[in-house]
Amino acid sequence: MKKILMLLMSLAIVGCGEADNSSVGVDKPLKLVAAHNQTNITSPYQTGMLKLKESAEQSAKFDIEVHAGTIGTNENELVEKLVLGGADIVLVSPGFMTSAGIDEVDLFSLLYLFNNYQHWEKVVDGNIGKKIADIIYQKSGNKYYVIGYWTAGVRHWYGKKPINTPADAKGLKIRTQTAGVVSDFWSSIGAIPTSVAWAELYQALASNVVDGSENAYPYLVPMEHHKTANGKYISETAHDYTTRFLLIRASIWDKMNSEQKAILETAVQEATQAERNAIYSEEHQYKDKAIADGAIVNEVDTVPFSDAAKIIQDRWAEKYGMTDTLQQIRDTQ
């Protein structure tokens, strides 16, 4: 894997890292609180966080406390804790960033932006990932850095019937975002974006509140959505290779000495690879489980869906001055 760029902040964004040569935790391990919003302790997020802890603590320079949803299951809450010092490292989605006024990160919310995981990795681990990391640092008011790009899998349609063409989605109530570029896409092909809390989705599928939803195998299958009448047909639309941001509070990073930064950079690289490997593996495991449980899976010709998405991509990119960046992603091989 390419060296995680963001730690890149070691960083040339503003060159402020060690101006006063001060550091923290020199005489004893530096304690860091790392948190994500998933309560499932076997989730890929937890796998990555535990690898971060294991790798960093081998040096005896760090003591990392990992929280799996125990200090907040809401991303806004996690970032608030990050800024105020209640957490030092957190994992969040592009949706949080846009609600915080960092509109450019919706680039990674655009559907059909990536062709496969290899394409996604090249983009987030390359110059475009660094560009977005720089924007996040600056627009956060220099409060946090991106230190890694993680994923929540590739999302597919699942519902009461399969969809093979965009026209098949017309009139179907889909549980998804009800605003933003994701909602724009589903609305453009005739579906009806509907808001349902994640914890309430099983019942919503079982009782016809919604006709379907969209998510990755490692998330929909453990919740047994595929066992409901309105979840048994899984159409592999592969519309979203998801991106998640691993953030560190700038004030704690800037006070670390060069040795501490180097150790944490290595730990983040290992944690990032562990999280990605876990999700890649679970994609196959949970697909097999869904089929074994009776779910009906169909492959989809994604070209007509992708063509519809490109209209939204172009419109969004023009609005936010990201047309060149969008083209760079499309040109990445």
C-alpha atoms as a PDB file:
ATOM      1  CA  MET A   1       0.000   0.000   0.000  1.00  0.00           C
ATOM      2  CA  LYS A   2       1.187   3.478  -0.740  1.00  0.00           C
ATOM      3  CA  LYS A   3       2.346   5.517   2.227  1.00  0.00           C
ATOM      4  CA  ILE A   4      -0.691   7.103   3.800  1.00  0.00           C
ATOM      5  CA  LEU A   5      -0.599  10.558   2.445  1.00  0.00           C
ATOM      6  CA  MET A   6      -2.276  12.557   4.938  1.00  0.00           C
ATOM      7  CA  LEU A   7       0.099  12.074   7.675  1.00  0.00           C
ATOM      8  CA  LEU A   8       1.378  14.031   5.235  1.00  0.00           C
ATOM      9  CA  MET A   9       0.663  16.590   7.609  1.00  0.00           C
ATOM     10  CA  SER A  10       3.992  15.827   9.030  1.00  0.00           C
ATOM     11  CA  LEU A  11       3.300  17.667   7.168  1.00  0.00           C
ATOM     12  CA  ALA A  12       3.537  20.220   4.808  1.00  0.00           C
ATOM     13  CA  ILE A  13       0.127  21.724   4.861  1.00  0.00           C
ATOM     14  CA  VAL A  14       1.146  24.614   7.021  1.00  0.00           C
ATOM     15  CA  GLY A  15       4.546  23.613   8.299  1.00  0.00           C
ATOM     16  CA  CYS A  16       3.570  24.184  11.881  1.00  0.00           C
ATOM     17  CA  GLY A  17       4.233  20.705  13.253  1.00  0.00           C
ATOM     18  CA  GLU A  18       7.250  21.237  15.498  1.00  0.00           C
ATOM     19  CA  ALA A  19       7.980  24.912  15.395  1.00  0.00           C
ATOM     20  CA  ASP A  20       8.761  25.102  19.108  1.00  0.00           C
ATOM     21  CA  ASN A  21      10.280  21.588  19.277  1.00  0.00           C
ATOM     22  CA  SER A  22       7.840  20.831  22.095  1.00  0.00           C
ATOM     23  CA  SER A  23       6.385  17.359  22.557  1.00  0.00           C
ATOM     24  CA  VAL A  24       4.034  15.411  24.742  1.00  0.00           C
ATOM     25  CA  GLY A  25       4.413  12.114  26.471  1.00  0.00           C
ATOM     26  CA  VAL A  26       8.227  12.098  26.360  1.00  0.00           C
ATOM     27  CA  ASP A  27       8.768  10.439  29.749  1.00  0.00           C
ATOM     28  CA  LYS A  28       5.730   8.173  29.725  1.00  0.00           C
ATOM     29  CA  PRO A  29       3.437   6.700  27.080  1.00  0.00           C
ATOM     30  CA  LEU A  30       1.193   9.252  25.425  1.00  0.00           C
ATOM     31  CA  LYS A  31      -2.422   8.286  26.025  1.00  0.00           C
ATOM     32  CA  LEU A  32      -4.761   8.666  23.066  1.00  0.00           C
ATOM     33  CA  VAL A  33      -8.482   7.986  22.872  1.00  0.00           C
ATOM     34  CA  ALA A  34      -9.554   6.530  19.507  1.00  0.00           C
ATOM     35  CA  ALA A  35     -13.252   6.117  18.683  1.00  0.00           C
ATOM     36  CA  HIS A  36     -15.716   5.091  15.990  1.00  0.00           C
ATOM     37  CA  ASN A  37     -19.515   4.932  15.998  1.00  0.00           C
ATOM     38  CA  GLN A  38     -20.070   1.212  15.364  1.00  0.00           C
ATOM     39  CA  THR A  39     -21.106  -0.813  18.420  1.00  0.00           C
ATOM     40  CA  ASN A  40     -20.248  -4.084  16.667  1.00  0.00           C
ATOM     41  CA  ILE A  41     -16.900  -5.095  18.187  1.00  0.00           C
ATOM     42  CA  THR A  42     -16.131  -7.369  15.244  1.00  0.00           C
ATOM     43  CA  SER A  43     -16.614  -4.624  12.646  1.00  0.00           C
ATOM     44  CA  PRO A  44     -13.787  -3.685  10.254  1.00  0.00           C
ATOM     45  CA  TYR A  45     -13.651  -0.301  12.022  1.00  0.00           C
ATOM     46  CA  GLN A  46     -12.821  -2.079  15.264  1.00  0.00           C
ATOM     47  CA  THR A  47     -10.287  -4.299  13.488  1.00  0.00           C
ATOM     48  CA  GLY A  48      -8.512  -1.203  12.241  1.00  0.00           C
ATOM     49  CA  MET A  49      -8.604   0.586  15.580  1.00  0.00           C
ATOM     50  CA  LEU A  50      -7.245  -2.437  17.439  1.00  0.00           C
ATOM     51  CA  LYS A  51      -4.420  -2.722  14.905  1.00  0.00           C
ATOM     52  CA  LEU A  52      -3.639   0.951  15.484  1.00  0.00           C
ATOM     53  CA  LYS A  53      -3.473   0.278  19.210  1.00  0.00           C
ATOM     54  CA  GLU A  54      -1.334  -2.847  18.825  1.00  0.00           C
ATOM     55  CA  SER A  55       1.153  -1.259  16.450  1.00  0.00           C
ATOM     56  CA  ALA A  56       1.554   2.036  18.329  1.00  0.00           C
ATOM     57  CA  GLU A  57       1.833   0.419  21.750  1.00  0.00           C
ATOM     58  CA  GLN A  58       4.659  -1.885  20.651  1.00  0.00           C
ATOM     59  CA  SER A  59       6.931   1.133  20.905  1.00  0.00           C
ATOM     60  CA  ALA A  60       5.971   1.742  24.547  1.00  0.00           C
ATOM     61  CA  LYS A  61       5.485   5.376  23.469  1.00  0.00           C
ATOM     62  CA  PHE A  62       1.685   5.241  23.273  1.00  0.00           C
ATOM     63  CA  ASP A  63      -1.257   4.018  25.309  1.00  0.00           C
ATOM     64  CA  ILE A  64      -4.327   3.920  23.058  1.00  0.00           C
ATOM     65  CA  GLU A  65      -7.844   3.465  24.414  1.00  0.00           C
ATOM     66  CA  VAL A  66     -10.293   2.236  21.762  1.00  0.00           C
ATOM     67  CA  HIS A  67     -14.024   2.968  21.947  1.00  0.00           C
ATOM     68  CA  ALA A  68     -16.536   1.123  19.735  1.00  0.00           C
ATOM     69  CA  GLY A  69     -19.584   3.361  19.989  1.00  0.00           C
ATOM     70  CA  THR A  70     -19.113   3.794  23.727  1.00  0.00           C
ATOM     71  CA  ILE A  71     -18.419   7.518  23.690  1.00  0.00           C
ATOM     72  CA  GLY A  72     -20.860   8.293  20.900  1.00  0.00           C
ATOM     73  CA  THR A  73     -22.680   6.645  17.998  1.00  0.00           C
ATOM     74  CA  ASN A  74     -23.346  10.007  16.363  1.00  0.00           C
ATOM     75  CA  GLU A  75     -20.540  11.396  14.203  1.00  0.00           C
ATOM     76  CA  ASN A  76     -21.265  14.987  15.207  1.00  0.00           C
ATOM     77  CA  GLU A  77     -20.788  13.944  18.820  1.00  0.00           C
ATOM     78  CA  LEU A  78     -17.516  12.192  18.063  1.00  0.00           C
ATOM     79  CA  VAL A  79     -16.070  15.211  16.274  1.00  0.00           C
ATOM     80  CA  GLU A  80     -17.229  17.517  19.050  1.00  0.00           C
ATOM     81  CA  LYS A  81     -15.303  15.317  21.472  1.00  0.00           C
ATOM     82  CA  LEU A  82     -12.319  15.422  19.125  1.00  0.00           C
ATOM     83  CA  VAL A  83     -12.284  19.207  19.041  1.00  0.00           C
ATOM     84  CA  LEU A  84     -12.831  19.598  22.800  1.00  0.00           C
ATOM     85  CA  GLY A  85     -10.267  16.967  23.794  1.00  0.00           C
ATOM     86  CA  GLY A  86     -12.574  14.109  24.798  1.00  0.00           C
ATOM     87  CA  ALA A  87     -11.155  12.039  21.930  1.00  0.00           C
ATOM     88  CA  ASP A  88      -7.936  12.245  19.940  1.00  0.00           C
ATOM     89  CA  ILE A  89      -8.661  10.078  16.883  1.00  0.00           C
ATOM     90  CA  VAL A  90     -12.113   9.491  15.350  1.00  0.00           C
ATOM     91  CA  LEU A  91     -13.582   7.966  12.198  1.00  0.00           C
ATOM     92  CA  VAL A  92     -16.317   9.844  10.296  1.00  0.00           C
ATOM     93  CA  SER A  93     -18.077   9.920   6.932  1.00  0.00           C
ATOM     94  CA  PRO A  94     -18.283  12.589   4.201  1.00  0.00           C
ATOM     95  CA  GLY A  95     -21.841  13.307   5.365  1.00  0.00           C
ATOM     96  CA  PHE A  96     -20.554  14.711   8.635  1.00  0.00           C
ATOM     97  CA  MET A  97     -18.073  16.931   6.831  1.00  0.00           C
ATOM     98  CA  THR A  98     -20.676  18.482   4.573  1.00  0.00           C
ATOM     99  CA  SER A  99     -22.899  19.207   7.582  1.00  0.00           C
ATOM    100  CA  ALA A 100     -19.862  20.986   9.056  1.00  0.00           C
ATOM    101  CA  GLY A 101     -19.625  23.221   5.993  1.00  0.00           C
ATOM    102  CA  ILE A 102     -16.834  21.389   4.155  1.00  0.00           C
ATOM    103  CA  ASP A 103     -18.747  20.916   0.915  1.00  0.00           C
ATOM    104  CA  GLU A 104     -15.813  19.678  -1.149  1.00  0.00           C
ATOM    105  CA  VAL A 105     -15.746  16.301   0.619  1.00  0.00           C
ATOM    106  CA  ASP A 106     -19.075  15.449  -1.014  1.00  0.00           C
ATOM    107  CA  LEU A 107     -16.803  14.536  -3.905  1.00  0.00           C
ATOM    108  CA  PHE A 108     -16.503  11.149  -2.203  1.00  0.00           C
ATOM    109  CA  SER A 109     -20.292  10.893  -1.844  1.00  0.00           C
ATOM    110  CA  LEU A 110     -20.860  11.032  -5.606  1.00  0.00           C
ATOM    111  CA  LEU A 111     -22.273   7.715  -6.782  1.00  0.00           C
ATOM    112  CA  TYR A 112     -20.463   5.730  -9.478  1.00  0.00           C
ATOM    113  CA  LEU A 113     -17.344   7.800  -8.897  1.00  0.00           C
ATOM    114  CA  PHE A 114     -15.123   4.712  -8.634  1.00  0.00           C
ATOM    115  CA  ASN A 115     -14.878   1.651 -10.850  1.00  0.00           C
ATOM    116  CA  ASN A 116     -13.589  -0.741  -8.188  1.00  0.00           C
ATOM    117  CA  TYR A 117     -11.576  -0.800  -4.956  1.00  0.00           C
ATOM    118  CA  GLN A 118      -8.280  -0.511  -6.841  1.00  0.00           C
ATOM    119  CA  HIS A 119      -9.485   2.708  -8.444  1.00  0.00           C
ATOM    120  CA  TRP A 120     -10.659   4.009  -5.066  1.00  0.00           C
ATOM    121  CA  GLU A 121      -7.314   3.264  -3.411  1.00  0.00           C
ATOM    122  CA  LYS A 122      -5.332   5.025  -6.135  1.00  0.00           C
ATOM    123  CA  VAL A 123      -7.447   8.139  -5.696  1.00  0.00           C
ATOM    124  CA  VAL A 124      -7.559   8.392  -1.907  1.00  0.00           C
ATOM    125  CA  ASP A 125      -3.904   7.377  -1.476  1.00  0.00           C
ATOM    126  CA  GLY A 126      -2.732   9.811  -4.124  1.00  0.00           C
ATOM    127  CA  ASN A 127      -2.739  13.539  -4.799  1.00  0.00           C
ATOM    128  CA  ILE A 128      -6.513  13.860  -4.749  1.00  0.00           C
ATOM    129  CA  GLY A 129      -6.674  12.327  -1.290  1.00  0.00           C
ATOM    130  CA  LYS A 130      -4.008  14.798  -0.165  1.00  0.00           C
ATOM    131  CA  LYS A 131      -5.950  17.691  -1.707  1.00  0.00           C
ATOM    132  CA  ILE A 132      -9.120  16.773   0.177  1.00  0.00           C
ATOM    133  CA  ALA A 133      -7.107  16.311   3.387  1.00  0.00           C
ATOM    134  CA  ASP A 134      -5.680  19.808   2.976  1.00  0.00           C
ATOM    135  CA  ILE A 135      -9.160  21.268   2.435  1.00  0.00           C
ATOM    136  CA  ILE A 136     -10.487  19.507   5.532  1.00  0.00           C
ATOM    137  CA  TYR A 137      -7.640  20.846   7.663  1.00  0.00           C
ATOM    138  CA  GLN A 138      -8.078  24.384   6.439  1.00  0.00           C
ATOM    139  CA  LYS A 139     -11.887  24.468   6.572  1.00  0.00           C
ATOM    140  CA  SER A 140     -11.972  22.865  10.004  1.00  0.00           C
ATOM    141  CA  GLY A 141     -10.196  25.960  11.265  1.00  0.00           C
ATOM    142  CA  ASN A 142      -6.976  23.938  11.612  1.00  0.00           C
ATOM    143  CA  LYS A 143      -8.633  21.732  14.239  1.00  0.00           C
ATOM    144  CA  TYR A 144      -7.978  18.261  12.801  1.00  0.00           C
ATOM    145  CA  TYR A 145      -5.995  16.386  10.190  1.00  0.00           C
ATOM    146  CA  VAL A 146      -6.951  13.442   7.985  1.00  0.00           C
ATOM    147  CA  ILE A 147      -4.490  10.676   8.816  1.00  0.00           C
ATOM    148  CA  GLY A 148      -6.078   7.810   6.915  1.00  0.00           C
ATOM    149  CA  TYR A 149      -8.783   6.855   4.447  1.00  0.00           C
ATOM    150  CA  TRP A 150     -10.900   3.870   5.472  1.00  0.00           C
ATOM    151  CA  THR A 151     -13.988   2.362   3.847  1.00  0.00           C
ATOM    152  CA  ALA A 152     -17.402   1.000   4.789  1.00  0.00           C
ATOM    153  CA  GLY A 153     -17.638  -1.276   1.756  1.00  0.00           C
ATOM    154  CA  VAL A 154     -19.365  -1.080  -1.609  1.00  0.00           C
ATOM    155  CA  ARG A 155     -23.096  -0.402  -1.455  1.00  0.00           C
ATOM    156  CA  HIS A 156     -25.810  -2.208  -3.411  1.00  0.00           C
ATOM    157  CA  TRP A 157     -29.595  -2.008  -3.773  1.00  0.00           C
ATOM    158  CA  TYR A 158     -31.663  -4.513  -1.826  1.00  0.00           C
ATOM    159  CA  GLY A 159     -35.435  -4.601  -1.774  1.00  0.00           C
ATOM    160  CA  LYS A 160     -38.708  -6.363  -2.495  1.00  0.00           C
ATOM    161  CA  LYS A 161     -37.741  -6.905  -6.122  1.00  0.00           C
ATOM    162  CA  PRO A 162     -34.508  -6.828  -8.126  1.00  0.00           C
ATOM    163  CA  ILE A 163     -33.549  -3.852 -10.222  1.00  0.00           C
ATOM    164  CA  ASN A 164     -31.723  -4.436 -13.498  1.00  0.00           C
ATOM    165  CA  THR A 165     -32.203  -1.021 -15.104  1.00  0.00           C
ATOM    166  CA  PRO A 166     -32.748   2.479 -13.725  1.00  0.00           C
ATOM    167  CA  ALA A 167     -36.390   2.242 -14.806  1.00  0.00           C
ATOM    168  CA  ASP A 168     -36.900  -0.665 -12.394  1.00  0.00           C
ATOM    169  CA  ALA A 169     -36.381   1.705  -9.460  1.00  0.00           C
ATOM    170  CA  LYS A 170     -39.208   4.036 -10.471  1.00  0.00           C
ATOM    171  CA  GLY A 171     -41.726   4.579  -7.688  1.00  0.00           C
ATOM    172  CA  LEU A 172     -39.861   2.487  -5.117  1.00  0.00           C
ATOM    173  CA  LYS A 173     -39.365   3.983  -1.658  1.00  0.00           C
ATOM    174  CA  ILE A 174     -35.705   3.538  -0.807  1.00  0.00           C
ATOM    175  CA  ARG A 175     -34.190   4.164   2.577  1.00  0.00           C
ATOM    176  CA  THR A 176     -31.270   6.449   1.835  1.00  0.00           C
ATOM    177  CA  GLN A 177     -30.166  10.038   2.289  1.00  0.00           C
ATOM    178  CA  THR A 178     -33.004  12.460   1.625  1.00  0.00           C
ATOM    179  CA  ALA A 179     -30.786  15.386   0.668  1.00  0.00           C
ATOM    180  CA  GLY A 180     -27.517  15.855  -1.192  1.00  0.00           C
ATOM    181  CA  VAL A 181     -25.949  14.076  -4.143  1.00  0.00           C
ATOM    182  CA  VAL A 182     -26.997  10.583  -3.043  1.00  0.00           C
ATOM    183  CA  SER A 183     -30.636  11.600  -2.856  1.00  0.00           C
ATOM    184  CA  ASP A 184     -30.287  13.446  -6.160  1.00  0.00           C
ATOM    185  CA  PHE A 185     -29.194  10.262  -7.901  1.00  0.00           C
ATOM    186  CA  TRP A 186     -32.005   8.044  -6.633  1.00  0.00           C
ATOM    187  CA  SER A 187     -34.575  10.726  -7.362  1.00  0.00           C
ATOM    188  CA  SER A 188     -33.194  11.127 -10.891  1.00  0.00           C
ATOM    189  CA  ILE A 189     -33.986   7.487 -11.711  1.00  0.00           C
ATOM    190  CA  GLY A 190     -37.462   7.695 -10.219  1.00  0.00           C
ATOM    191  CA  ALA A 191     -36.952   6.190  -6.757  1.00  0.00           C
ATOM    192  CA  ILE A 192     -38.309   7.930  -3.664  1.00  0.00           C
ATOM    193  CA  PRO A 193     -35.612   8.630  -1.011  1.00  0.00           C
ATOM    194  CA  THR A 194     -37.064   7.996   2.429  1.00  0.00           C
ATOM    195  CA  SER A 195     -35.614   8.679   5.867  1.00  0.00           C
ATOM    196  CA  VAL A 196     -35.531   5.751   8.306  1.00  0.00           C
ATOM    197  CA  ALA A 197     -33.222   5.397  11.291  1.00  0.00           C
ATOM    198  CA  TRP A 198     -30.758   2.527  10.921  1.00  0.00           C
ATOM    199  CA  ALA A 199     -32.018   0.843  14.077  1.00  0.00           C
ATOM    200  CA  GLU A 200     -35.571   0.946  12.701  1.00  0.00           C
ATOM    201  CA  LEU A 201     -34.811  -0.254   9.189  1.00  0.00           C
ATOM    202  CA  TYR A 202     -35.455  -3.973   9.736  1.00  0.00           C
ATOM    203  CA  GLN A 203     -39.002  -3.217  10.841  1.00  0.00           C
ATOM    204  CA  ALA A 204     -39.456  -0.682   8.050  1.00  0.00           C
ATOM    205  CA  LEU A 205     -38.513  -3.328   5.480  1.00  0.00           C
ATOM    206  CA  ALA A 206     -40.704  -5.943   7.126  1.00  0.00           C
ATOM    207  CA  SER A 207     -43.770  -3.691   7.289  1.00  0.00           C
ATOM    208  CA  ASN A 208     -43.621  -2.022   3.840  1.00  0.00           C
ATOM    209  CA  VAL A 209     -42.633   1.387   5.178  1.00  0.00           C
ATOM    210  CA  VAL A 210     -39.915   1.259   2.522  1.00  0.00           C
ATOM    211  CA  ASP A 211     -39.573  -0.965  -0.543  1.00  0.00           C
ATOM    212  CA  GLY A 212     -35.832  -1.309  -0.223  1.00  0.00           C
ATOM    213  CA  SER A 213     -32.571   0.162   0.949  1.00  0.00           C
ATOM    214  CA  GLU A 214     -28.928   0.292  -0.072  1.00  0.00           C
ATOM    215  CA  ASN A 215     -25.831  -0.744   1.795  1.00  0.00           C
ATOM    216  CA  ALA A 216     -22.809  -3.032   1.795  1.00  0.00           C
ATOM    217  CA  TYR A 217     -23.014  -6.746   2.575  1.00  0.00           C
ATOM    218  CA  PRO A 218     -21.065  -6.435   5.871  1.00  0.00           C
ATOM    219  CA  TYR A 219     -23.728  -4.061   7.190  1.00  0.00           C
ATOM    220  CA  LEU A 220     -27.050  -5.267   5.774  1.00  0.00           C
ATOM    221  CA  VAL A 221     -26.473  -8.996   6.417  1.00  0.00           C
ATOM    222  CA  PRO A 222     -25.584  -8.850  10.153  1.00  0.00           C
ATOM    223  CA  MET A 223     -28.787  -6.816  10.632  1.00  0.00           C
ATOM    224  CA  GLU A 224     -30.696  -9.573   8.766  1.00  0.00           C
ATOM    225  CA  HIS A 225     -32.308  -7.111   6.380  1.00  0.00           C
ATOM    226  CA  HIS A 226     -32.032  -9.763   3.657  1.00  0.00           C
ATOM    227  CA  LYS A 227     -34.420 -11.970   5.635  1.00  0.00           C
ATOM    228  CA  THR A 228     -37.293  -9.490   5.313  1.00  0.00           C
ATOM    229  CA  ALA A 229     -39.809  -9.555   2.478  1.00  0.00           C
ATOM    230  CA  ASN A 230     -38.580  -6.162   1.268  1.00  0.00           C
ATOM    231  CA  GLY A 231     -34.901  -6.999   1.528  1.00  0.00           C
ATOM    232  CA  LYS A 232     -34.454 -10.439  -0.009  1.00  0.00           C
ATOM    233  CA  TYR A 233     -33.527  -9.270  -3.536  1.00  0.00           C
ATOM    234  CA  ILE A 234     -29.990  -7.890  -3.656  1.00  0.00           C
ATOM    235  CA  SER A 235     -29.034  -6.210  -6.916  1.00  0.00           C
ATOM    236  CA  GLU A 236     -25.306  -5.566  -7.194  1.00  0.00           C
ATOM    237  CA  THR A 237     -25.513  -1.977  -8.325  1.00  0.00           C
ATOM    238  CA  ALA A 238     -22.099  -1.210  -6.750  1.00  0.00           C
ATOM    239  CA  HIS A 239     -23.032   2.455  -6.748  1.00  0.00           C
ATOM    240  CA  ASP A 240     -20.840   3.622  -3.886  1.00  0.00           C
ATOM    241  CA  TYR A 241     -17.298   2.623  -2.931  1.00  0.00           C
ATOM    242  CA  THR A 242     -17.513   4.370   0.388  1.00  0.00           C
ATOM    243  CA  THR A 243     -14.915   6.609   1.991  1.00  0.00           C
ATOM    244  CA  ARG A 244     -14.402   7.263   5.689  1.00  0.00           C
ATOM    245  CA  PHE A 245     -11.991   9.799   7.203  1.00  0.00           C
ATOM    246  CA  LEU A 246      -9.680   8.930  10.105  1.00  0.00           C
ATOM    247  CA  LEU A 247      -9.077  12.234  11.890  1.00  0.00           C
ATOM    248  CA  ILE A 248      -6.615  13.283  14.583  1.00  0.00           C
ATOM    249  CA  ARG A 249      -6.898  16.419  16.684  1.00  0.00           C
ATOM    250  CA  ALA A 250      -4.375  18.916  15.346  1.00  0.00           C
ATOM    251  CA  SER A 251      -3.305  20.163  18.763  1.00  0.00           C
ATOM    252  CA  ILE A 252      -2.188  16.701  19.904  1.00  0.00           C
ATOM    253  CA  TRP A 253      -0.430  15.908  16.631  1.00  0.00           C
ATOM    254  CA  ASP A 254       1.412  19.222  16.496  1.00  0.00           C
ATOM    255  CA  LYS A 255       2.842  18.665  19.992  1.00  0.00           C
ATOM    256  CA  MET A 256       4.297  15.238  19.202  1.00  0.00           C
ATOM    257  CA  ASN A 257       8.016  14.953  18.621  1.00  0.00           C
ATOM    258  CA  SER A 258       9.422  13.454  15.425  1.00  0.00           C
ATOM    259  CA  GLU A 259       9.802   9.976  16.947  1.00  0.00           C
ATOM    260  CA  GLN A 260       6.204   9.888  18.141  1.00  0.00           C
ATOM    261  CA  LYS A 261       4.949  11.053  14.754  1.00  0.00           C
ATOM    262  CA  ALA A 262       6.946   8.418  12.913  1.00  0.00           C
ATOM    263  CA  ILE A 263       5.618   5.660  15.185  1.00  0.00           C
ATOM    264  CA  LEU A 264       2.027   6.822  14.791  1.00  0.00           C
ATOM    265  CA  GLU A 265       2.384   7.167  11.012  1.00  0.00           C
ATOM    266  CA  THR A 266       3.493   3.540  10.779  1.00  0.00           C
ATOM    267  CA  ALA A 267       0.672   2.441  13.080  1.00  0.00           C
ATOM    268  CA  VAL A 268      -1.881   4.300  10.949  1.00  0.00           C
ATOM    269  CA  GLN A 269      -0.566   2.671   7.773  1.00  0.00           C
ATOM    270  CA  GLU A 270      -0.887  -0.787   9.334  1.00  0.00           C
ATOM    271  CA  ALA A 271      -4.316   0.007  10.774  1.00  0.00           C
ATOM    272  CA  THR A 272      -5.562   1.347   7.441  1.00  0.00           C
ATOM    273  CA  GLN A 273      -4.476  -1.805   5.632  1.00  0.00           C
ATOM    274  CA  ALA A 274      -6.034  -3.996   8.331  1.00  0.00           C
ATOM    275  CA  GLU A 275      -9.372  -2.162   8.101  1.00  0.00           C
ATOM    276  CA  ARG A 276      -9.433  -2.356   4.325  1.00  0.00           C
ATOM    277  CA  ASN A 277      -8.486  -6.039   4.280  1.00  0.00           C
ATOM    278  CA  ALA A 278     -11.229  -6.786   6.793  1.00  0.00           C
ATOM    279  CA  ILE A 279     -13.934  -5.106   4.730  1.00  0.00           C
ATOM    280  CA  TYR A 280     -12.716  -6.695   1.485  1.00  0.00           C
ATOM    281  CA  SER A 281     -12.845 -10.130   3.092  1.00  0.00           C
ATOM    282  CA  GLU A 282     -16.228  -9.580   4.705  1.00  0.00           C
ATOM    283  CA  GLU A 283     -17.771  -8.516   1.390  1.00  0.00           C
ATOM    284  CA  HIS A 284     -17.420 -12.126   0.199  1.00  0.00           C
ATOM    285  CA  GLN A 285     -18.236 -13.787   3.510  1.00  0.00           C
ATOM    286  CA  TYR A 286     -21.478 -11.912   4.020  1.00  0.00           C
ATOM    287  CA  LYS A 287     -22.556 -12.270   0.395  1.00  0.00           C
ATOM    288  CA  ASP A 288     -22.190 -16.046   0.761  1.00  0.00           C
ATOM    289  CA  LYS A 289     -24.163 -15.934   4.011  1.00  0.00           C
ATOM    290  CA  ALA A 290     -26.950 -13.897   2.423  1.00  0.00           C
ATOM    291  CA  ILE A 291     -27.299 -16.439  -0.382  1.00  0.00           C
ATOM    292  CA  ALA A 292     -27.215 -19.326   2.079  1.00  0.00           C
ATOM    293  CA  ASP A 293     -30.019 -17.618   4.007  1.00  0.00           C
ATOM    294  CA  GLY A 294     -32.190 -17.432   0.906  1.00  0.00           C
ATOM    295  CA  ALA A 295     -31.424 -13.994  -0.492  1.00  0.00           C
ATOM    296  CA  ILE A 296     -31.558 -13.728  -4.283  1.00  0.00           C
ATOM    297  CA  VAL A 297     -28.584 -11.893  -5.770  1.00  0.00           C
ATOM    298  CA  ASN A 298     -28.400 -10.591  -9.323  1.00  0.00           C
ATOM    299  CA  GLU A 299     -25.596  -8.900 -11.197  1.00  0.00           C
ATOM    300  CA  VAL A 300     -26.389  -5.584 -12.837  1.00  0.00           C
ATOM    301  CA  ASP A 301     -25.185  -3.837 -15.964  1.00  0.00           C
ATOM    302  CA  THR A 302     -24.126  -0.661 -14.177  1.00  0.00           C
ATOM    303  CA  VAL A 303     -23.484   1.433 -17.306  1.00  0.00           C
ATOM    304  CA  PRO A 304     -27.016   2.961 -17.518  1.00  0.00           C
ATOM    305  CA  PHE A 305     -26.874   3.740 -13.777  1.00  0.00           C
ATOM    306  CA  SER A 306     -23.411   5.252 -14.131  1.00  0.00           C
ATOM    307  CA  ASP A 307     -24.534   7.392 -17.066  1.00  0.00           C
ATOM    308  CA  ALA A 308     -27.335   8.828 -14.930  1.00  0.00           C
ATOM    309  CA  ALA A 309     -24.896   9.503 -12.104  1.00  0.00           C
ATOM    310  CA  LYS A 310     -22.446  11.375 -14.339  1.00  0.00           C
ATOM    311  CA  ILE A 311     -24.999  14.117 -14.915  1.00  0.00           C
ATOM    312  CA  ILE A 312     -25.149  14.710 -11.157  1.00  0.00           C
ATOM    313  CA  GLN A 313     -21.371  14.450 -10.838  1.00  0.00           C
ATOM    314  CA  ASP A 314     -20.821  17.119 -13.502  1.00  0.00           C
ATOM    315  CA  ARG A 315     -23.398  19.470 -11.989  1.00  0.00           C
ATOM    316  CA  TRP A 316     -21.930  19.115  -8.490  1.00  0.00           C
ATOM    317  CA  ALA A 317     -18.335  19.562  -9.673  1.00  0.00           C
ATOM    318  CA  GLU A 318     -19.167  22.737 -11.568  1.00  0.00           C
ATOM    319  CA  LYS A 319     -20.960  24.204  -8.549  1.00  0.00           C
ATOM    320  CA  TYR A 320     -18.018  23.622  -6.191  1.00  0.00           C
ATOM    321  CA  GLY A 321     -15.134  24.275  -8.559  1.00  0.00           C
ATOM    322  CA  MET A 322     -14.082  20.616  -8.649  1.00  0.00           C
ATOM    323  CA  THR A 323     -14.453  19.893 -12.372  1.00  0.00           C
ATOM    324  CA  ASP A 324     -10.726  19.340 -12.893  1.00  0.00           C
ATOM    325  CA  THR A 325     -10.545  17.079  -9.833  1.00  0.00           C
ATOM    326  CA  LEU A 326     -13.504  15.025 -11.057  1.00  0.00           C
ATOM    327  CA  GLN A 327     -11.828  14.576 -14.427  1.00  0.00           C
ATOM    328  CA  GLN A 328      -8.596  13.493 -12.734  1.00  0.00           C
ATOM    329  CA  ILE A 329     -10.525  10.784 -10.916  1.00  0.00           C
ATOM    330  CA  ARG A 330     -12.136   9.633 -14.134  1.00  0.00           C
ATOM    331  CA  ASP A 331      -8.734   9.551 -15.829  1.00  0.00           C
ATOM    332  CA  THR A 332      -7.082   7.569 -13.031  1.00  0.00           C
ATOM    333  CA  GLN A 333      -6.395   4.007 -14.101  1.00  0.00           C
END
